[in-house]
Amino acid sequence: MRRMSVFTYGVTCYLMFLGTFLYAVGFVGNFLVPKSLDSAPEMTFGRALLVNLGLLGLFALQHSLMARPAFKWWWTKLVPPPVERSTYVLFSSLALLLLFWQWQPMGGIVWHIENSTGRLLLYGLFTFGWLLVLVSTFLINHFDLFGLRQVYLYLQGKEYTSLRFATPGPYKLLRHPLYVGWFFAFWAAPTMTVAHLVFALLTAAYILIAIQLEERDLLAAHGEAYAEYRRHVPMLVPRFFAKKRTPQQAAQEVMHKTAA
């Protein structure tokens, strides 16, 4: 019964994430949801800005703090290790749902693209961003990232094993394709309002900070393998026309490192 309860809890948390993710697409894109990023303003600009800053700050704090190894070490003394990731997913979903519920549109147009081709292009980039986010999670093991693998292994009576470091698909071109997807999703807007711009700017700032924290943890977890990867693969912008290293150049680099 305990194993089944843990598994059911993990599946429930995942389904909540899935619903939140789908709602987020409509919230940012302004369609199919009762209240979106650019709904009609309901309070003064200054008050709306303070509310939105607080909501984004709360999400950033929760999302980063609960992901740190030191917090996980403490947290798993209170919650069973198999549900640690599922609980993180649950809290992240709740923080986002609070943001969607209490978000305060602020009016004002920063830019508005009237050209139909331009609008179609931006909607295409918007869609590409969300798909890149989703595909990137599957490439690095979607079910582990959102806690399902952990609770499934517990249900089967098997010990959890950490994932090996790997660089599938777009991870060979840049280190954080998932975050690149968020940039496209948040910035590709045919109509950019003040509220949308605040949202995009603050999430961009958070992403850049989160990358530094995440890479510090990855270095601690994977050591020289990740350090080597970071030296040769760009963070967010791929180098399509960069010259590839020949085997001789790679060998020389190894020799220089050994000599040093």
Protein backbone atom coordinates (compact mmCIF):
# COMPACT_ATOMS: atom_id res chain seq x y z
CA MET A 1 0.00 0.00 0.00
CA ARG A 2 2.82 2.44 0.81
CA ARG A 3 4.46 1.89 -2.55
CA MET A 4 1.19 2.34 -4.39
CA SER A 5 0.43 5.50 -2.39
CA VAL A 6 3.84 6.94 -3.28
CA PHE A 7 3.29 6.09 -6.96
CA THR A 8 -0.20 7.61 -6.97
CA TYR A 9 1.15 10.77 -5.35
CA GLY A 10 3.88 11.05 -7.99
CA VAL A 11 1.41 10.57 -10.86
CA THR A 12 -0.92 13.18 -9.33
CA CYS A 13 1.91 15.71 -9.06
CA TYR A 14 2.87 15.02 -12.66
CA LEU A 15 -0.70 15.51 -13.90
CA MET A 16 -0.83 18.81 -12.03
CA PHE A 17 2.38 19.87 -13.77
CA LEU A 18 0.96 18.84 -17.15
CA GLY A 19 -2.19 20.90 -16.60
CA THR A 20 -0.11 23.86 -15.41
CA PHE A 21 2.17 23.63 -18.44
CA LEU A 22 -0.76 23.63 -20.86
CA TYR A 23 -2.37 26.56 -19.02
CA ALA A 24 0.95 28.44 -19.20
CA VAL A 25 0.89 28.23 -23.01
CA GLY A 26 -2.51 29.92 -23.07
CA PHE A 27 -1.58 32.37 -20.32
CA VAL A 28 1.50 33.67 -22.15
CA GLY A 29 -0.07 33.42 -25.62
CA ASN A 30 -3.36 35.03 -24.56
CA PHE A 31 -5.78 32.34 -25.72
CA LEU A 32 -8.16 29.73 -24.29
CA VAL A 33 -7.75 30.80 -20.65
CA PRO A 34 -10.06 33.03 -18.55
CA LYS A 35 -7.20 35.33 -17.49
CA SER A 36 -3.97 35.83 -19.42
CA LEU A 37 -0.80 37.86 -19.32
CA ASP A 38 -2.50 40.70 -21.20
CA SER A 39 -6.05 40.69 -19.86
CA ALA A 40 -7.71 44.01 -19.02
CA PRO A 41 -6.01 45.92 -16.14
CA GLU A 42 -7.82 45.80 -12.80
CA MET A 43 -5.69 48.12 -10.63
CA THR A 44 -3.25 51.02 -10.87
CA PHE A 45 0.02 50.49 -12.73
CA GLY A 46 2.24 50.87 -9.65
CA ARG A 47 0.22 48.46 -7.54
CA ALA A 48 0.02 45.94 -10.38
CA LEU A 49 3.79 46.12 -10.87
CA LEU A 50 4.45 45.43 -7.17
CA VAL A 51 2.07 42.45 -7.17
CA ASN A 52 3.67 40.97 -10.29
CA LEU A 53 7.20 41.46 -8.96
CA GLY A 54 6.19 39.64 -5.79
CA LEU A 55 4.64 36.73 -7.70
CA LEU A 56 7.66 36.29 -9.95
CA GLY A 57 10.02 36.62 -7.00
CA LEU A 58 8.12 33.96 -5.06
CA PHE A 59 8.28 31.53 -7.97
CA ALA A 60 12.00 32.19 -8.52
CA LEU A 61 12.76 31.65 -4.82
CA GLN A 62 10.82 28.39 -4.65
CA HIS A 63 12.13 27.07 -7.95
CA SER A 64 15.78 27.73 -7.14
CA LEU A 65 15.86 27.01 -3.42
CA MET A 66 14.18 23.60 -3.64
CA ALA A 67 16.51 22.55 -6.49
CA ARG A 68 19.72 23.05 -4.53
CA PRO A 69 21.50 19.93 -3.21
CA ALA A 70 21.79 21.35 0.32
CA PHE A 71 18.06 21.92 0.48
CA LYS A 72 17.36 18.43 -0.92
CA TRP A 73 19.61 16.92 1.76
CA TRP A 74 17.60 18.67 4.47
CA TRP A 75 14.23 18.17 2.77
CA THR A 76 14.62 14.40 2.43
CA LYS A 77 14.83 14.16 6.21
CA LEU A 78 11.19 15.32 6.22
CA VAL A 79 9.80 13.71 3.07
CA PRO A 80 10.62 10.25 1.66
CA PRO A 81 13.39 10.44 -0.99
CA PRO A 82 11.23 8.78 -3.71
CA VAL A 83 8.77 11.70 -3.61
CA GLU A 84 11.31 14.54 -3.24
CA ARG A 85 11.21 15.38 -6.96
CA SER A 86 7.45 14.97 -7.19
CA THR A 87 7.02 17.35 -4.26
CA TYR A 88 9.30 19.86 -5.97
CA VAL A 89 7.14 19.59 -9.09
CA LEU A 90 4.00 20.05 -6.99
CA PHE A 91 5.29 23.19 -5.27
CA SER A 92 6.48 24.63 -8.60
CA SER A 93 3.05 24.03 -10.12
CA LEU A 94 1.33 25.66 -7.15
CA ALA A 95 3.63 28.69 -7.37
CA LEU A 96 2.80 29.05 -11.07
CA LEU A 97 -0.93 28.61 -10.51
CA LEU A 98 -0.79 31.36 -7.88
CA LEU A 99 0.98 33.58 -10.43
CA PHE A 100 -1.66 32.86 -13.09
CA TRP A 101 -4.46 33.57 -10.61
CA GLN A 102 -3.10 36.77 -9.10
CA TRP A 103 -1.22 38.23 -12.09
CA GLN A 104 -2.14 41.85 -12.74
CA PRO A 105 -2.14 43.06 -16.36
CA MET A 106 -0.79 46.60 -16.73
CA GLY A 107 -1.88 47.79 -20.19
CA GLY A 108 0.33 49.79 -22.56
CA ILE A 109 1.76 48.61 -25.89
CA VAL A 110 5.52 48.33 -26.39
CA TRP A 111 5.25 47.00 -29.94
CA HIS A 112 2.47 45.69 -32.16
CA ILE A 113 3.17 43.84 -35.41
CA GLU A 114 0.34 44.36 -37.91
CA ASN A 115 1.96 42.63 -40.89
CA SER A 116 0.36 39.18 -41.24
CA THR A 117 3.64 37.52 -42.26
CA GLY A 118 5.43 39.03 -39.28
CA ARG A 119 2.70 37.91 -36.90
CA LEU A 120 2.72 34.40 -38.34
CA LEU A 121 6.50 34.24 -37.98
CA LEU A 122 6.36 35.29 -34.34
CA TYR A 123 3.58 32.81 -33.57
CA GLY A 124 5.75 30.15 -35.22
CA LEU A 125 8.71 31.07 -33.00
CA PHE A 126 6.37 31.07 -29.97
CA THR A 127 5.25 27.53 -30.84
CA PHE A 128 8.84 26.46 -31.54
CA GLY A 129 9.87 27.69 -28.09
CA TRP A 130 7.28 25.62 -26.24
CA LEU A 131 8.05 22.54 -28.33
CA LEU A 132 11.79 22.97 -27.71
CA VAL A 133 11.15 23.11 -23.96
CA LEU A 134 9.11 19.91 -24.09
CA VAL A 135 11.47 18.02 -26.42
CA SER A 136 14.50 19.04 -24.33
CA THR A 137 12.94 17.49 -21.22
CA PHE A 138 12.44 14.18 -23.03
CA LEU A 139 16.01 14.19 -24.30
CA ILE A 140 17.38 14.40 -20.75
CA ASN A 141 14.70 12.00 -19.40
CA HIS A 142 11.36 13.74 -18.96
CA PHE A 143 10.08 11.19 -16.44
CA ASP A 144 13.08 11.55 -14.14
CA LEU A 145 12.92 15.35 -14.35
CA PHE A 146 9.31 15.36 -13.18
CA GLY A 147 9.55 12.61 -10.57
CA LEU A 148 7.74 9.74 -12.32
CA ARG A 149 10.83 7.55 -12.69
CA GLN A 150 11.58 7.85 -8.98
CA VAL A 151 8.13 6.76 -7.82
CA TYR A 152 7.93 4.01 -10.46
CA LEU A 153 11.22 2.49 -9.33
CA TYR A 154 9.98 2.65 -5.74
CA LEU A 155 6.77 0.88 -6.78
CA GLN A 156 8.89 -1.86 -8.37
CA GLY A 157 11.05 -2.16 -5.26
CA LYS A 158 14.15 -1.01 -7.16
CA GLU A 159 16.80 1.42 -5.97
CA TYR A 160 16.98 4.79 -7.67
CA THR A 161 20.10 5.42 -9.75
CA SER A 162 21.16 8.87 -10.93
CA LEU A 163 21.21 9.55 -14.65
CA ARG A 164 24.53 9.51 -16.44
CA PHE A 165 25.80 12.72 -18.00
CA ALA A 166 24.86 12.81 -21.70
CA THR A 167 24.50 15.39 -24.47
CA PRO A 168 21.75 14.19 -26.85
CA GLY A 169 20.43 16.15 -29.85
CA PRO A 170 20.57 19.94 -29.38
CA TYR A 171 22.68 19.51 -26.23
CA LYS A 172 25.59 18.94 -28.61
CA LEU A 173 25.11 22.48 -29.95
CA LEU A 174 24.40 24.38 -26.73
CA ARG A 175 24.29 23.57 -23.04
CA HIS A 176 20.79 24.80 -22.26
CA PRO A 177 18.33 24.28 -25.13
CA LEU A 178 15.49 24.07 -22.61
CA TYR A 179 16.15 27.63 -21.47
CA VAL A 180 16.49 28.79 -25.08
CA GLY A 181 12.98 27.42 -25.59
CA TRP A 182 11.72 29.62 -22.74
CA PHE A 183 13.30 32.69 -24.35
CA PHE A 184 11.45 32.02 -27.60
CA ALA A 185 8.20 31.28 -25.76
CA PHE A 186 8.31 34.49 -23.71
CA TRP A 187 9.75 36.96 -26.24
CA ALA A 188 8.11 35.90 -29.54
CA ALA A 189 5.01 38.09 -29.18
CA PRO A 190 3.29 39.91 -32.07
CA THR A 191 1.91 42.32 -29.47
CA MET A 192 4.23 43.13 -26.59
CA THR A 193 2.47 44.85 -23.71
CA VAL A 194 4.13 46.41 -20.67
CA ALA A 195 3.00 43.45 -18.53
CA HIS A 196 4.41 40.98 -21.04
CA LEU A 197 7.69 42.90 -21.19
CA VAL A 198 8.00 42.90 -17.38
CA PHE A 199 7.31 39.17 -17.38
CA ALA A 200 9.82 38.49 -20.17
CA LEU A 201 12.58 40.67 -18.67
CA LEU A 202 12.30 39.21 -15.17
CA THR A 203 12.10 35.60 -16.36
CA ALA A 204 15.14 36.22 -18.59
CA ALA A 205 17.08 37.60 -15.62
CA TYR A 206 16.01 34.62 -13.51
CA ILE A 207 17.06 32.15 -16.22
CA LEU A 208 20.54 33.66 -16.45
CA ILE A 209 20.95 33.43 -12.67
CA ALA A 210 19.48 29.91 -12.56
CA ILE A 211 21.95 28.74 -15.20
CA GLN A 212 24.88 29.74 -12.99
CA LEU A 213 23.44 27.87 -10.01
CA GLU A 214 22.58 24.83 -12.10
CA GLU A 215 26.01 24.64 -13.71
CA ARG A 216 27.67 24.84 -10.31
CA ASP A 217 25.64 21.79 -9.25
CA LEU A 218 26.40 19.98 -12.51
CA LEU A 219 30.12 20.56 -12.05
CA ALA A 220 29.91 19.14 -8.54
CA ALA A 221 27.95 16.12 -9.75
CA HIS A 222 29.85 15.29 -12.97
CA GLY A 223 33.26 16.84 -12.43
CA GLU A 224 35.67 17.03 -15.36
CA ALA A 225 33.13 15.60 -17.83
CA TYR A 226 30.91 18.63 -17.42
CA ALA A 227 33.86 21.02 -17.20
CA GLU A 228 35.09 19.77 -20.58
CA TYR A 229 31.59 20.04 -22.02
CA ARG A 230 31.29 23.62 -20.79
CA ARG A 231 34.64 24.56 -22.33
CA HIS A 232 33.62 23.46 -25.82
CA VAL A 233 29.84 23.92 -26.03
CA PRO A 234 28.27 27.42 -25.81
CA MET A 235 25.67 28.20 -23.18
CA LEU A 236 22.69 29.58 -25.14
CA VAL A 237 23.74 30.53 -28.67
CA PRO A 238 25.07 27.73 -30.90
CA ARG A 239 28.21 28.29 -32.95
CA PHE A 240 27.06 26.86 -36.28
CA PHE A 241 30.07 28.11 -38.19
CA ALA A 242 32.75 27.42 -35.61
CA LYS A 243 35.71 25.39 -36.84
CA LYS A 244 35.66 21.83 -35.57
CA ARG A 245 38.69 20.52 -33.76
CA THR A 246 40.71 17.93 -35.62
CA PRO A 247 41.83 14.78 -33.75
CA GLN A 248 45.37 16.23 -33.72
CA GLN A 249 44.16 19.46 -32.10
CA ALA A 250 42.19 17.52 -29.51
CA ALA A 251 45.28 15.42 -28.73
CA GLN A 252 47.41 18.54 -28.38
CA GLU A 253 44.90 20.05 -25.94
CA VAL A 254 45.04 16.92 -23.83
CA MET A 255 48.85 17.02 -23.84
CA HIS A 256 48.88 20.68 -22.79
CA LYS A 257 46.47 19.95 -19.93
CA THR A 258 48.56 16.98 -18.80
CA ALA A 259 51.74 19.06 -18.89
CA ALA A 260 50.08 21.85 -16.92
